[in-house]
Amino acid sequence: MDLNEFGRLVGLTTNEALRQILELAKTGHLRSSSSGYSITEKGKAALKAHVHVPKGSEFNFYTAVGQPTGLSAESLRDFYEKIKRIDSASLEFHINRRDFKNWMQAVVKDEVLADEFESLSTQELKGENLREKIASVIESRYPVEALR
């Protein structure tokens, strides 16, 4: 598709679209090719982190069965933000039930991250150590700037 058509589709002028494309190339999210631009692995990770899951597939945080926190995550980025501030009792509840692993596998469709969460569930981590490890696992798979 040409730049004019792309700009119209995303609601930008041709010049604004070009500036955004060049910025994405500068940050490593796009690369120049003979036929235009293509998305890099870094760009794919950023998109995946921000894509909202289907309605009804959000991750709902609980502290125990029947005790919802009222918080839910609609994307991987949202999940990452919530795990940084939610009560650690919720993290412990979900890691022990393998809920994080199951959500990563079934909804986010990231088998590697699901396997990392499976491994975490066997380590008997608690409190802030668990929170830090969960954040670290996500950050090792997705660039931190993709999670902002």
N, C-alpha and C. Protein backbone atom coordinates (compact mmCIF):
# COMPACT_ATOMS: atom_id res chain seq x y z
N MET A 1 0.86 -1.16 0.00
CA MET A 1 0.00 0.00 0.00
C MET A 1 0.90 1.22 0.00
N ASP A 2 0.45 2.26 -0.67
CA ASP A 2 1.29 3.45 -0.72
C ASP A 2 1.10 4.31 0.53
N LEU A 3 1.99 5.25 0.72
CA LEU A 3 2.02 6.07 1.92
C LEU A 3 0.76 6.92 2.09
N ASN A 4 0.22 7.43 0.98
CA ASN A 4 -1.01 8.23 1.06
C ASN A 4 -2.17 7.39 1.60
N GLU A 5 -2.32 6.18 1.07
CA GLU A 5 -3.39 5.29 1.51
C GLU A 5 -3.18 4.89 2.97
N PHE A 6 -1.95 4.58 3.33
CA PHE A 6 -1.64 4.22 4.73
C PHE A 6 -2.00 5.36 5.66
N GLY A 7 -1.60 6.57 5.30
CA GLY A 7 -1.91 7.74 6.12
C GLY A 7 -3.40 7.91 6.33
N ARG A 8 -4.17 7.75 5.27
CA ARG A 8 -5.64 7.85 5.39
C ARG A 8 -6.18 6.79 6.33
N LEU A 9 -5.67 5.55 6.23
CA LEU A 9 -6.15 4.45 7.06
C LEU A 9 -5.91 4.68 8.55
N VAL A 10 -4.79 5.29 8.88
CA VAL A 10 -4.44 5.50 10.29
C VAL A 10 -4.76 6.91 10.78
N GLY A 11 -5.37 7.71 9.92
CA GLY A 11 -5.81 9.04 10.34
C GLY A 11 -4.70 10.06 10.44
N LEU A 12 -3.67 9.92 9.61
CA LEU A 12 -2.56 10.87 9.60
C LEU A 12 -2.39 11.44 8.20
N THR A 13 -1.79 12.63 8.12
CA THR A 13 -1.42 13.14 6.81
C THR A 13 -0.26 12.28 6.30
N THR A 14 0.03 12.41 5.04
CA THR A 14 1.14 11.66 4.46
C THR A 14 2.45 12.00 5.16
N ASN A 15 2.69 13.28 5.43
CA ASN A 15 3.92 13.69 6.12
C ASN A 15 3.98 13.16 7.55
N GLU A 16 2.85 13.19 8.26
CA GLU A 16 2.81 12.66 9.63
C GLU A 16 3.07 11.16 9.64
N ALA A 17 2.47 10.45 8.68
CA ALA A 17 2.68 9.00 8.58
C ALA A 17 4.15 8.70 8.31
N LEU A 18 4.75 9.45 7.41
CA LEU A 18 6.17 9.25 7.09
C LEU A 18 7.04 9.50 8.31
N ARG A 19 6.76 10.56 9.06
CA ARG A 19 7.54 10.85 10.28
C ARG A 19 7.42 9.68 11.28
N GLN A 20 6.22 9.15 11.46
CA GLN A 20 6.01 8.04 12.38
C GLN A 20 6.75 6.78 11.92
N ILE A 21 6.70 6.51 10.62
CA ILE A 21 7.40 5.34 10.07
C ILE A 21 8.90 5.48 10.28
N LEU A 22 9.43 6.66 10.02
CA LEU A 22 10.87 6.87 10.20
C LEU A 22 11.27 6.73 11.67
N GLU A 23 10.41 7.21 12.58
CA GLU A 23 10.69 7.06 14.01
C GLU A 23 10.67 5.59 14.41
N LEU A 24 9.70 4.83 13.90
CA LEU A 24 9.63 3.39 14.19
C LEU A 24 10.85 2.66 13.62
N ALA A 25 11.34 3.10 12.49
CA ALA A 25 12.56 2.50 11.92
C ALA A 25 13.76 2.85 12.78
N LYS A 26 13.81 4.10 13.24
CA LYS A 26 14.93 4.54 14.08
C LYS A 26 14.98 3.77 15.40
N THR A 27 13.82 3.41 15.94
CA THR A 27 13.78 2.69 17.21
C THR A 27 13.86 1.18 17.04
N GLY A 28 13.97 0.72 15.79
CA GLY A 28 14.14 -0.71 15.54
C GLY A 28 12.85 -1.51 15.43
N HIS A 29 11.72 -0.84 15.36
CA HIS A 29 10.44 -1.55 15.23
C HIS A 29 10.11 -1.89 13.78
N LEU A 30 10.65 -1.10 12.85
CA LEU A 30 10.51 -1.35 11.42
C LEU A 30 11.89 -1.36 10.80
N ARG A 31 12.00 -2.02 9.64
CA ARG A 31 13.26 -1.96 8.88
C ARG A 31 12.92 -1.64 7.44
N SER A 32 13.81 -0.92 6.84
CA SER A 32 13.65 -0.55 5.44
C SER A 32 13.98 -1.74 4.55
N SER A 33 13.17 -1.93 3.53
CA SER A 33 13.46 -2.99 2.57
C SER A 33 13.29 -2.42 1.18
N SER A 34 13.61 -3.19 0.17
CA SER A 34 13.53 -2.68 -1.20
C SER A 34 12.11 -2.30 -1.60
N SER A 35 11.12 -2.90 -0.97
CA SER A 35 9.73 -2.61 -1.32
C SER A 35 9.04 -1.69 -0.31
N GLY A 36 9.78 -1.15 0.64
CA GLY A 36 9.18 -0.25 1.63
C GLY A 36 9.70 -0.54 3.01
N TYR A 37 8.81 -0.88 3.93
CA TYR A 37 9.17 -1.17 5.31
C TYR A 37 8.51 -2.47 5.74
N SER A 38 9.20 -3.16 6.64
CA SER A 38 8.63 -4.38 7.22
C SER A 38 8.85 -4.34 8.73
N ILE A 39 8.05 -5.07 9.44
CA ILE A 39 8.12 -5.06 10.90
C ILE A 39 9.23 -6.01 11.37
N THR A 40 9.94 -5.59 12.40
CA THR A 40 11.03 -6.40 12.97
C THR A 40 10.46 -7.26 14.10
N GLU A 41 11.30 -8.15 14.64
CA GLU A 41 10.88 -8.95 15.78
C GLU A 41 10.56 -8.04 16.98
N LYS A 42 11.34 -7.00 17.16
CA LYS A 42 11.08 -6.04 18.23
C LYS A 42 9.71 -5.39 18.02
N GLY A 43 9.40 -5.05 16.79
CA GLY A 43 8.10 -4.46 16.48
C GLY A 43 6.96 -5.44 16.73
N LYS A 44 7.16 -6.70 16.37
CA LYS A 44 6.14 -7.72 16.61
C LYS A 44 5.89 -7.91 18.11
N ALA A 45 6.97 -7.89 18.89
CA ALA A 45 6.83 -8.04 20.35
C ALA A 45 6.05 -6.86 20.92
N ALA A 46 6.35 -5.66 20.45
CA ALA A 46 5.64 -4.47 20.94
C ALA A 46 4.15 -4.56 20.61
N LEU A 47 3.85 -4.99 19.39
CA LEU A 47 2.44 -5.13 19.02
C LEU A 47 1.74 -6.18 19.86
N LYS A 48 2.39 -7.33 20.03
CA LYS A 48 1.78 -8.42 20.81
C LYS A 48 1.52 -7.99 22.25
N ALA A 49 2.41 -7.22 22.82
CA ALA A 49 2.26 -6.77 24.20
C ALA A 49 1.07 -5.83 24.36
N HIS A 50 0.73 -5.11 23.31
CA HIS A 50 -0.33 -4.10 23.40
C HIS A 50 -1.69 -4.58 22.90
N VAL A 51 -1.72 -5.68 22.18
CA VAL A 51 -2.99 -6.16 21.63
C VAL A 51 -3.92 -6.61 22.75
N HIS A 52 -5.14 -6.11 22.70
CA HIS A 52 -6.14 -6.51 23.70
C HIS A 52 -6.64 -7.92 23.40
N VAL A 53 -6.81 -8.70 24.45
CA VAL A 53 -7.33 -10.06 24.31
C VAL A 53 -8.82 -9.97 23.99
N PRO A 54 -9.41 -11.03 23.45
CA PRO A 54 -10.84 -11.00 23.16
C PRO A 54 -11.67 -10.72 24.42
N LYS A 55 -12.77 -10.01 24.23
CA LYS A 55 -13.68 -9.72 25.35
C LYS A 55 -14.05 -11.03 26.04
N GLY A 56 -13.99 -11.05 27.35
CA GLY A 56 -14.30 -12.25 28.12
C GLY A 56 -13.09 -13.11 28.41
N SER A 57 -11.92 -12.77 27.81
CA SER A 57 -10.69 -13.54 28.02
C SER A 57 -9.68 -12.79 28.87
N GLU A 58 -10.10 -11.68 29.46
CA GLU A 58 -9.21 -10.90 30.31
C GLU A 58 -8.74 -11.78 31.47
N PHE A 59 -7.58 -11.44 32.03
CA PHE A 59 -7.12 -12.16 33.22
C PHE A 59 -7.70 -11.45 34.43
N ASN A 60 -8.50 -12.16 35.21
CA ASN A 60 -9.12 -11.60 36.42
C ASN A 60 -8.33 -12.06 37.63
N PHE A 61 -7.86 -11.09 38.40
CA PHE A 61 -7.04 -11.38 39.58
C PHE A 61 -7.91 -11.67 40.80
N TYR A 62 -7.53 -12.70 41.53
CA TYR A 62 -8.19 -13.11 42.78
C TYR A 62 -7.12 -13.26 43.86
N THR A 63 -7.53 -13.25 45.12
CA THR A 63 -6.61 -13.58 46.21
C THR A 63 -6.91 -14.97 46.74
N ALA A 64 -8.09 -15.49 46.44
CA ALA A 64 -8.51 -16.84 46.82
C ALA A 64 -9.76 -17.16 46.00
N VAL A 65 -10.19 -18.38 46.00
CA VAL A 65 -11.41 -18.76 45.30
C VAL A 65 -12.57 -17.94 45.87
N GLY A 66 -13.30 -17.29 44.98
CA GLY A 66 -14.42 -16.47 45.40
C GLY A 66 -14.06 -15.11 45.95
N GLN A 67 -12.77 -14.72 45.86
CA GLN A 67 -12.31 -13.43 46.38
C GLN A 67 -11.61 -12.61 45.28
N PRO A 68 -12.40 -12.03 44.37
CA PRO A 68 -11.79 -11.23 43.31
C PRO A 68 -11.20 -9.93 43.85
N THR A 69 -10.16 -9.46 43.20
CA THR A 69 -9.55 -8.19 43.59
C THR A 69 -10.24 -7.02 42.90
N GLY A 70 -10.97 -7.30 41.85
CA GLY A 70 -11.59 -6.24 41.06
C GLY A 70 -10.69 -5.77 39.94
N LEU A 71 -9.49 -6.32 39.86
CA LEU A 71 -8.55 -5.95 38.79
C LEU A 71 -8.52 -7.04 37.73
N SER A 72 -8.37 -6.60 36.48
CA SER A 72 -8.22 -7.55 35.39
C SER A 72 -7.23 -6.98 34.39
N ALA A 73 -6.68 -7.85 33.56
CA ALA A 73 -5.71 -7.43 32.54
C ALA A 73 -6.27 -7.76 31.16
N GLU A 74 -6.23 -6.75 30.28
CA GLU A 74 -6.78 -6.89 28.93
C GLU A 74 -5.72 -7.10 27.86
N SER A 75 -4.45 -7.05 28.26
CA SER A 75 -3.34 -7.27 27.33
C SER A 75 -2.14 -7.71 28.15
N LEU A 76 -1.11 -8.15 27.47
CA LEU A 76 0.11 -8.53 28.17
C LEU A 76 0.72 -7.32 28.88
N ARG A 77 0.70 -6.18 28.21
CA ARG A 77 1.21 -4.95 28.81
C ARG A 77 0.41 -4.61 30.07
N ASP A 78 -0.90 -4.72 30.01
CA ASP A 78 -1.77 -4.45 31.15
C ASP A 78 -1.48 -5.45 32.28
N PHE A 79 -1.28 -6.71 31.93
CA PHE A 79 -0.94 -7.75 32.91
C PHE A 79 0.35 -7.37 33.62
N TYR A 80 1.36 -6.99 32.85
CA TYR A 80 2.66 -6.60 33.40
C TYR A 80 2.51 -5.44 34.38
N GLU A 81 1.74 -4.44 34.02
CA GLU A 81 1.52 -3.29 34.90
C GLU A 81 0.80 -3.71 36.19
N LYS A 82 -0.18 -4.59 36.07
CA LYS A 82 -0.96 -5.00 37.25
C LYS A 82 -0.13 -5.85 38.20
N ILE A 83 0.72 -6.72 37.68
CA ILE A 83 1.50 -7.58 38.59
C ILE A 83 2.51 -6.76 39.39
N LYS A 84 2.85 -5.59 38.90
CA LYS A 84 3.80 -4.75 39.64
C LYS A 84 3.18 -4.09 40.86
N ARG A 85 1.83 -4.05 40.92
CA ARG A 85 1.22 -3.34 42.05
C ARG A 85 0.16 -4.14 42.82
N ILE A 86 -0.24 -5.27 42.31
CA ILE A 86 -1.28 -6.05 42.97
C ILE A 86 -0.75 -6.70 44.24
N ASP A 87 -1.62 -6.98 45.16
CA ASP A 87 -1.24 -7.65 46.41
C ASP A 87 -0.53 -8.96 46.09
N SER A 88 0.58 -9.20 46.74
CA SER A 88 1.36 -10.42 46.45
C SER A 88 0.58 -11.69 46.77
N ALA A 89 -0.44 -11.61 47.61
CA ALA A 89 -1.28 -12.78 47.89
C ALA A 89 -1.97 -13.25 46.62
N SER A 90 -2.31 -12.32 45.75
CA SER A 90 -2.94 -12.68 44.48
C SER A 90 -1.93 -13.39 43.57
N LEU A 91 -0.72 -12.89 43.54
CA LEU A 91 0.33 -13.53 42.73
C LEU A 91 0.57 -14.96 43.20
N GLU A 92 0.66 -15.13 44.50
CA GLU A 92 0.88 -16.47 45.07
C GLU A 92 -0.28 -17.40 44.75
N PHE A 93 -1.50 -16.90 44.87
CA PHE A 93 -2.69 -17.69 44.57
C PHE A 93 -2.65 -18.18 43.12
N HIS A 94 -2.40 -17.28 42.20
CA HIS A 94 -2.45 -17.63 40.77
C HIS A 94 -1.26 -18.48 40.32
N ILE A 95 -0.07 -18.21 40.85
CA ILE A 95 1.09 -18.99 40.42
C ILE A 95 0.95 -20.43 40.87
N ASN A 96 0.42 -20.65 42.06
CA ASN A 96 0.25 -22.01 42.58
C ASN A 96 -0.81 -22.79 41.82
N ARG A 97 -1.81 -22.09 41.29
CA ARG A 97 -2.87 -22.75 40.52
C ARG A 97 -2.51 -22.88 39.03
N ARG A 98 -1.35 -22.30 38.66
CA ARG A 98 -0.89 -22.28 37.27
C ARG A 98 -1.81 -21.46 36.35
N ASP A 99 -2.50 -20.50 36.94
CA ASP A 99 -3.40 -19.64 36.17
C ASP A 99 -2.64 -18.77 35.18
N PHE A 100 -1.48 -18.24 35.59
CA PHE A 100 -0.70 -17.39 34.69
C PHE A 100 -0.25 -18.20 33.48
N LYS A 101 0.26 -19.39 33.73
CA LYS A 101 0.71 -20.27 32.65
C LYS A 101 -0.44 -20.54 31.69
N ASN A 102 -1.59 -20.88 32.23
CA ASN A 102 -2.73 -21.22 31.38
C ASN A 102 -3.20 -20.04 30.54
N TRP A 103 -3.19 -18.83 31.12
CA TRP A 103 -3.62 -17.64 30.38
C TRP A 103 -2.62 -17.32 29.27
N MET A 104 -1.33 -17.42 29.58
CA MET A 104 -0.30 -17.15 28.56
C MET A 104 -0.43 -18.13 27.40
N GLN A 105 -0.73 -19.36 27.73
CA GLN A 105 -0.84 -20.41 26.72
C GLN A 105 -2.13 -20.26 25.91
N ALA A 106 -3.26 -20.17 26.57
CA ALA A 106 -4.56 -20.21 25.88
C ALA A 106 -4.98 -18.87 25.28
N VAL A 107 -4.66 -17.77 25.94
CA VAL A 107 -5.16 -16.47 25.49
C VAL A 107 -4.08 -15.64 24.80
N VAL A 108 -2.94 -15.48 25.45
CA VAL A 108 -1.85 -14.68 24.87
C VAL A 108 -1.18 -15.43 23.73
N LYS A 109 -1.26 -16.75 23.76
CA LYS A 109 -0.67 -17.62 22.73
C LYS A 109 0.84 -17.52 22.69
N ASP A 110 1.45 -17.55 23.87
CA ASP A 110 2.90 -17.50 23.98
C ASP A 110 3.35 -18.72 24.78
N GLU A 111 3.72 -19.77 24.07
CA GLU A 111 4.13 -21.03 24.71
C GLU A 111 5.40 -20.87 25.52
N VAL A 112 6.32 -20.06 25.04
CA VAL A 112 7.58 -19.87 25.76
C VAL A 112 7.31 -19.22 27.11
N LEU A 113 6.50 -18.17 27.11
CA LEU A 113 6.17 -17.50 28.36
C LEU A 113 5.36 -18.43 29.27
N ALA A 114 4.48 -19.21 28.69
CA ALA A 114 3.71 -20.19 29.48
C ALA A 114 4.65 -21.17 30.17
N ASP A 115 5.65 -21.65 29.45
CA ASP A 115 6.63 -22.57 30.04
C ASP A 115 7.42 -21.92 31.17
N GLU A 116 7.75 -20.64 31.00
CA GLU A 116 8.47 -19.91 32.05
C GLU A 116 7.60 -19.82 33.31
N PHE A 117 6.32 -19.58 33.13
CA PHE A 117 5.42 -19.51 34.29
C PHE A 117 5.23 -20.88 34.93
N GLU A 118 5.24 -21.91 34.13
CA GLU A 118 5.17 -23.28 34.68
C GLU A 118 6.38 -23.52 35.57
N SER A 119 7.55 -23.11 35.10
CA SER A 119 8.77 -23.27 35.88
C SER A 119 8.70 -22.47 37.18
N LEU A 120 8.16 -21.27 37.11
CA LEU A 120 8.02 -20.43 38.32
C LEU A 120 7.12 -21.09 39.36
N SER A 121 6.11 -21.81 38.90
CA SER A 121 5.15 -22.40 39.84
C SER A 121 5.78 -23.49 40.70
N THR A 122 6.92 -24.00 40.29
CA THR A 122 7.58 -25.05 41.06
C THR A 122 8.65 -24.51 42.01
N GLN A 123 8.90 -23.20 41.96
CA GLN A 123 9.99 -22.62 42.75
C GLN A 123 9.59 -22.14 44.14
N GLU A 124 8.32 -22.20 44.48
CA GLU A 124 7.83 -21.82 45.80
C GLU A 124 8.27 -20.42 46.22
N LEU A 125 8.23 -19.48 45.28
CA LEU A 125 8.56 -18.09 45.58
C LEU A 125 7.37 -17.42 46.25
N LYS A 126 7.64 -16.43 47.06
CA LYS A 126 6.59 -15.71 47.80
C LYS A 126 6.85 -14.20 47.75
N GLY A 127 5.79 -13.44 47.99
CA GLY A 127 5.88 -12.00 48.17
C GLY A 127 6.61 -11.27 47.07
N GLU A 128 7.47 -10.34 47.48
CA GLU A 128 8.20 -9.49 46.54
C GLU A 128 9.16 -10.28 45.66
N ASN A 129 9.70 -11.38 46.16
CA ASN A 129 10.57 -12.22 45.33
C ASN A 129 9.79 -12.78 44.15
N LEU A 130 8.56 -13.21 44.39
CA LEU A 130 7.71 -13.73 43.32
C LEU A 130 7.38 -12.61 42.33
N ARG A 131 6.99 -11.45 42.83
CA ARG A 131 6.66 -10.32 41.96
C ARG A 131 7.83 -9.99 41.03
N GLU A 132 9.03 -9.89 41.62
CA GLU A 132 10.22 -9.56 40.83
C GLU A 132 10.51 -10.62 39.78
N LYS A 133 10.34 -11.87 40.14
CA LYS A 133 10.61 -12.96 39.20
C LYS A 133 9.59 -12.96 38.06
N ILE A 134 8.32 -12.71 38.37
CA ILE A 134 7.30 -12.64 37.33
C ILE A 134 7.63 -11.51 36.35
N ALA A 135 7.96 -10.34 36.89
CA ALA A 135 8.31 -9.21 36.03
C ALA A 135 9.54 -9.54 35.18
N SER A 136 10.52 -10.18 35.78
CA SER A 136 11.74 -10.54 35.08
C SER A 136 11.48 -11.52 33.93
N VAL A 137 10.61 -12.48 34.17
CA VAL A 137 10.26 -13.47 33.14
C VAL A 137 9.62 -12.76 31.94
N ILE A 138 8.71 -11.84 32.21
CA ILE A 138 8.05 -11.11 31.12
C ILE A 138 9.06 -10.23 30.40
N GLU A 139 9.90 -9.52 31.15
CA GLU A 139 10.89 -8.63 30.56
C GLU A 139 11.93 -9.37 29.73
N SER A 140 12.19 -10.63 30.08
CA SER A 140 13.18 -11.39 29.29
C SER A 140 12.60 -11.81 27.94
N ARG A 141 11.30 -11.83 27.85
CA ARG A 141 10.62 -12.24 26.61
C ARG A 141 10.20 -11.05 25.75
N TYR A 142 9.86 -9.95 26.40
CA TYR A 142 9.38 -8.75 25.71
C TYR A 142 10.22 -7.56 26.16
N PRO A 143 10.70 -6.77 25.20
CA PRO A 143 11.49 -5.60 25.59
C PRO A 143 10.68 -4.69 26.52
N VAL A 144 11.32 -4.14 27.53
CA VAL A 144 10.63 -3.30 28.51
C VAL A 144 9.90 -2.16 27.81
N GLU A 145 10.51 -1.59 26.77
CA GLU A 145 9.84 -0.47 26.09
C GLU A 145 8.54 -0.92 25.41
N ALA A 146 8.43 -2.20 25.09
CA ALA A 146 7.19 -2.73 24.52
C ALA A 146 6.10 -2.85 25.58
N LEU A 147 6.50 -2.87 26.83
CA LEU A 147 5.55 -3.04 27.94
C LEU A 147 5.11 -1.70 28.52
N ARG A 148 5.60 -0.62 27.96
CA ARG A 148 5.22 0.73 28.46
C ARG A 148 4.07 1.27 27.67
